[in-house]
Amino acid sequence: MLKTILKLVIKVLESKLQKSGLEEKIIKNKQYIDIAKQVWNVVEENFRITESVEKKLSSKAYEFDKMMMDKFPELSPTDVKELRQSIAGEVNKGKEAVLENSEILKKLQEENQELKSKNIDLESKLAAISNYVPVENK
């Protein structure tokens, strides 16, 4: 009976250890994601305000990978690549809607310009016609 109780206690302790290890991995993974977002923003800012052509030509992905590997040497290049793609997807998800809106706006502006030119043309034709048609005075 004592053996059975000890076995159960050992199993409970093992599961607690495994659970705490899993929680630690989850917390560490969240930390990776948070730091990756910060690194992404730094890289974006560096490429946005950079003055030199050499820096502009270097790859954002390379800079992101390098900074992440410096911060977390335990990550494999594959892990860093997956983090980069995850962050890029999250950051860029709203940009497609903005692009669609800008395309719609451009089309509307073109249609508006076309309608304005047609309106000017019709007004000039109307003015020409009204020169030939007598105006009735009341």
C-alpha atoms as a PDB file:
ATOM      1  CA  MET A   1       0.000   0.000   0.000  1.00  0.00           C
ATOM      2  CA  LEU A   2       2.848   2.365   0.811  1.00  0.00           C
ATOM      3  CA  LYS A   3       4.410   1.562  -2.577  1.00  0.00           C
ATOM      4  CA  THR A   4       1.184   2.463  -4.326  1.00  0.00           C
ATOM      5  CA  ILE A   5       0.944   5.763  -2.474  1.00  0.00           C
ATOM      6  CA  LEU A   6       4.594   6.557  -3.245  1.00  0.00           C
ATOM      7  CA  LYS A   7       4.061   5.754  -6.923  1.00  0.00           C
ATOM      8  CA  LEU A   8       1.063   8.086  -7.016  1.00  0.00           C
ATOM      9  CA  VAL A   9       3.008  10.840  -5.247  1.00  0.00           C
ATOM     10  CA  ILE A  10       5.902  10.400  -7.699  1.00  0.00           C
ATOM     11  CA  LYS A  11       3.522  10.606 -10.666  1.00  0.00           C
ATOM     12  CA  VAL A  12       1.922  13.758  -9.272  1.00  0.00           C
ATOM     13  CA  LEU A  13       5.332  15.342  -8.678  1.00  0.00           C
ATOM     14  CA  GLU A  14       6.511  14.370 -12.170  1.00  0.00           C
ATOM     15  CA  SER A  15       3.405  15.876 -13.749  1.00  0.00           C
ATOM     16  CA  LYS A  16       3.900  19.073 -11.699  1.00  0.00           C
ATOM     17  CA  LEU A  17       7.504  19.269 -12.903  1.00  0.00           C
ATOM     18  CA  GLN A  18       6.449  18.695 -16.499  1.00  0.00           C
ATOM     19  CA  LYS A  19       3.702  21.289 -16.124  1.00  0.00           C
ATOM     20  CA  SER A  20       6.087  23.855 -14.673  1.00  0.00           C
ATOM     21  CA  GLY A  21       8.529  23.141 -17.512  1.00  0.00           C
ATOM     22  CA  LEU A  22       5.736  23.639 -20.014  1.00  0.00           C
ATOM     23  CA  GLU A  23       4.677  26.887 -18.346  1.00  0.00           C
ATOM     24  CA  GLU A  24       8.280  28.045 -18.445  1.00  0.00           C
ATOM     25  CA  LYS A  25       8.425  27.301 -22.178  1.00  0.00           C
ATOM     26  CA  ILE A  26       5.190  29.217 -22.755  1.00  0.00           C
ATOM     27  CA  ILE A  27       6.439  32.204 -20.768  1.00  0.00           C
ATOM     28  CA  LYS A  28       9.764  32.091 -22.606  1.00  0.00           C
ATOM     29  CA  ASN A  29       7.924  31.860 -25.959  1.00  0.00           C
ATOM     30  CA  LYS A  30       5.849  34.936 -25.048  1.00  0.00           C
ATOM     31  CA  GLN A  31       9.081  36.722 -24.187  1.00  0.00           C
ATOM     32  CA  TYR A  32      10.485  35.762 -27.610  1.00  0.00           C
ATOM     33  CA  ILE A  33       7.427  37.198 -29.323  1.00  0.00           C
ATOM     34  CA  ASP A  34       7.483  40.416 -27.279  1.00  0.00           C
ATOM     35  CA  ILE A  35      11.188  40.965 -27.943  1.00  0.00           C
ATOM     36  CA  ALA A  36      10.709  40.040 -31.617  1.00  0.00           C
ATOM     37  CA  LYS A  37       8.063  42.774 -31.934  1.00  0.00           C
ATOM     38  CA  GLN A  38      10.444  45.277 -30.362  1.00  0.00           C
ATOM     39  CA  VAL A  39      13.255  44.195 -32.691  1.00  0.00           C
ATOM     40  CA  TRP A  40      10.899  44.463 -35.678  1.00  0.00           C
ATOM     41  CA  ASN A  41      10.041  48.040 -34.733  1.00  0.00           C
ATOM     42  CA  VAL A  42      13.721  48.930 -34.303  1.00  0.00           C
ATOM     43  CA  VAL A  43      14.582  47.483 -37.724  1.00  0.00           C
ATOM     44  CA  GLU A  44      11.630  49.306 -39.324  1.00  0.00           C
ATOM     45  CA  GLU A  45      12.714  52.570 -37.733  1.00  0.00           C
ATOM     46  CA  ASN A  46      16.342  52.096 -38.796  1.00  0.00           C
ATOM     47  CA  PHE A  47      15.351  51.467 -42.400  1.00  0.00           C
ATOM     48  CA  ARG A  48      12.856  54.341 -42.381  1.00  0.00           C
ATOM     49  CA  ILE A  49      15.263  57.043 -41.198  1.00  0.00           C
ATOM     50  CA  THR A  50      18.543  55.755 -42.561  1.00  0.00           C
ATOM     51  CA  GLU A  51      20.694  58.135 -44.577  1.00  0.00           C
ATOM     52  CA  SER A  52      23.194  55.822 -46.235  1.00  0.00           C
ATOM     53  CA  VAL A  53      22.471  53.828 -49.360  1.00  0.00           C
ATOM     54  CA  GLU A  54      24.402  50.827 -48.044  1.00  0.00           C
ATOM     55  CA  LYS A  55      22.057  50.514 -45.086  1.00  0.00           C
ATOM     56  CA  LYS A  56      19.021  50.813 -47.335  1.00  0.00           C
ATOM     57  CA  LEU A  57      20.304  48.017 -49.525  1.00  0.00           C
ATOM     58  CA  SER A  58      20.919  45.626 -46.646  1.00  0.00           C
ATOM     59  CA  SER A  59      18.127  43.253 -45.910  1.00  0.00           C
ATOM     60  CA  LYS A  60      15.601  43.951 -43.165  1.00  0.00           C
ATOM     61  CA  ALA A  61      15.255  40.229 -42.670  1.00  0.00           C
ATOM     62  CA  TYR A  62      18.998  39.883 -42.149  1.00  0.00           C
ATOM     63  CA  GLU A  63      19.002  42.712 -39.599  1.00  0.00           C
ATOM     64  CA  PHE A  64      16.041  41.187 -37.759  1.00  0.00           C
ATOM     65  CA  ASP A  65      17.669  37.743 -37.706  1.00  0.00           C
ATOM     66  CA  LYS A  66      20.970  39.177 -36.512  1.00  0.00           C
ATOM     67  CA  MET A  67      19.387  41.176 -33.684  1.00  0.00           C
ATOM     68  CA  MET A  68      17.276  38.224 -32.544  1.00  0.00           C
ATOM     69  CA  MET A  69      20.266  35.861 -32.577  1.00  0.00           C
ATOM     70  CA  ASP A  70      22.226  38.407 -30.518  1.00  0.00           C
ATOM     71  CA  LYS A  71      19.425  38.609 -27.951  1.00  0.00           C
ATOM     72  CA  PHE A  72      18.582  34.890 -27.932  1.00  0.00           C
ATOM     73  CA  PRO A  73      21.566  32.762 -28.994  1.00  0.00           C
ATOM     74  CA  GLU A  74      19.664  29.616 -27.963  1.00  0.00           C
ATOM     75  CA  LEU A  75      17.257  30.057 -30.884  1.00  0.00           C
ATOM     76  CA  SER A  76      17.954  28.262 -34.124  1.00  0.00           C
ATOM     77  CA  PRO A  77      17.883  30.174 -37.428  1.00  0.00           C
ATOM     78  CA  THR A  78      14.630  28.354 -38.211  1.00  0.00           C
ATOM     79  CA  ASP A  79      13.086  29.576 -34.941  1.00  0.00           C
ATOM     80  CA  VAL A  80      14.115  33.146 -35.735  1.00  0.00           C
ATOM     81  CA  LYS A  81      12.730  32.857 -39.271  1.00  0.00           C
ATOM     82  CA  GLU A  82       9.390  31.603 -37.927  1.00  0.00           C
ATOM     83  CA  LEU A  83       9.271  34.445 -35.400  1.00  0.00           C
ATOM     84  CA  ARG A  84      10.046  36.973 -38.155  1.00  0.00           C
ATOM     85  CA  GLN A  85       7.309  35.602 -40.394  1.00  0.00           C
ATOM     86  CA  SER A  86       4.841  35.582 -37.521  1.00  0.00           C
ATOM     87  CA  ILE A  87       5.585  39.191 -36.598  1.00  0.00           C
ATOM     88  CA  ALA A  88       5.560  40.273 -40.257  1.00  0.00           C
ATOM     89  CA  GLY A  89       2.160  38.683 -40.758  1.00  0.00           C
ATOM     90  CA  GLU A  90       0.791  40.405 -37.685  1.00  0.00           C
ATOM     91  CA  VAL A  91       2.250  43.792 -38.608  1.00  0.00           C
ATOM     92  CA  ASN A  92       1.246  43.642 -42.277  1.00  0.00           C
ATOM     93  CA  LYS A  93      -2.298  42.309 -41.851  1.00  0.00           C
ATOM     94  CA  GLY A  94      -3.805  45.812 -41.858  1.00  0.00           C
ATOM     95  CA  LYS A  95      -1.746  47.078 -44.781  1.00  0.00           C
ATOM     96  CA  GLU A  96      -3.736  45.144 -47.394  1.00  0.00           C
ATOM     97  CA  ALA A  97      -6.950  46.921 -46.387  1.00  0.00           C
ATOM     98  CA  VAL A  98      -5.187  50.278 -46.624  1.00  0.00           C
ATOM     99  CA  LEU A  99      -3.892  49.373 -50.082  1.00  0.00           C
ATOM    100  CA  GLU A 100      -7.389  48.392 -51.234  1.00  0.00           C
ATOM    101  CA  ASN A 101      -8.792  51.656 -49.880  1.00  0.00           C
ATOM    102  CA  SER A 102      -6.137  53.679 -51.688  1.00  0.00           C
ATOM    103  CA  GLU A 103      -6.937  51.889 -54.959  1.00  0.00           C
ATOM    104  CA  ILE A 104     -10.642  52.639 -54.515  1.00  0.00           C
ATOM    105  CA  LEU A 105      -9.839  56.269 -53.729  1.00  0.00           C
ATOM    106  CA  LYS A 106      -7.683  56.530 -56.853  1.00  0.00           C
ATOM    107  CA  LYS A 107     -10.495  55.126 -59.033  1.00  0.00           C
ATOM    108  CA  LEU A 108     -13.003  57.530 -57.500  1.00  0.00           C
ATOM    109  CA  GLN A 109     -10.685  60.468 -58.120  1.00  0.00           C
ATOM    110  CA  GLU A 110     -10.261  59.419 -61.763  1.00  0.00           C
ATOM    111  CA  GLU A 111     -14.040  59.092 -62.199  1.00  0.00           C
ATOM    112  CA  ASN A 112     -14.556  62.472 -60.551  1.00  0.00           C
ATOM    113  CA  GLN A 113     -12.060  64.107 -62.909  1.00  0.00           C
ATOM    114  CA  GLU A 114     -13.743  62.471 -65.910  1.00  0.00           C
ATOM    115  CA  LEU A 115     -17.169  63.676 -64.761  1.00  0.00           C
ATOM    116  CA  LYS A 116     -15.838  67.202 -64.245  1.00  0.00           C
ATOM    117  CA  SER A 117     -14.490  67.318 -67.801  1.00  0.00           C
ATOM    118  CA  LYS A 118     -17.804  65.981 -69.174  1.00  0.00           C
ATOM    119  CA  ASN A 119     -19.661  68.612 -67.144  1.00  0.00           C
ATOM    120  CA  ILE A 120     -17.501  71.404 -68.591  1.00  0.00           C
ATOM    121  CA  ASP A 121     -18.098  70.037 -72.101  1.00  0.00           C
ATOM    122  CA  LEU A 122     -21.875  69.859 -71.556  1.00  0.00           C
ATOM    123  CA  GLU A 123     -21.976  73.381 -70.095  1.00  0.00           C
ATOM    124  CA  SER A 124     -20.153  74.762 -73.142  1.00  0.00           C
ATOM    125  CA  LYS A 125     -22.586  72.948 -75.491  1.00  0.00           C
ATOM    126  CA  LEU A 126     -25.520  74.280 -73.488  1.00  0.00           C
ATOM    127  CA  ALA A 127     -24.120  77.811 -73.701  1.00  0.00           C
ATOM    128  CA  ALA A 128     -23.704  77.425 -77.486  1.00  0.00           C
ATOM    129  CA  ILE A 129     -27.275  76.199 -77.864  1.00  0.00           C
ATOM    130  CA  SER A 130     -28.699  78.956 -75.687  1.00  0.00           C
ATOM    131  CA  ASN A 131     -27.034  81.526 -77.966  1.00  0.00           C
ATOM    132  CA  TYR A 132     -29.185  80.274 -80.866  1.00  0.00           C
ATOM    133  CA  VAL A 133     -32.423  79.741 -78.977  1.00  0.00           C
ATOM    134  CA  PRO A 134     -34.357  82.885 -78.199  1.00  0.00           C
ATOM    135  CA  VAL A 135     -34.961  83.538 -74.541  1.00  0.00           C
ATOM    136  CA  GLU A 136     -38.553  84.226 -73.692  1.00  0.00           C
ATOM    137  CA  ASN A 137     -38.973  87.292 -71.465  1.00  0.00           C
ATOM    138  CA  LYS A 138     -41.893  87.436 -69.095  1.00  0.00           C
END
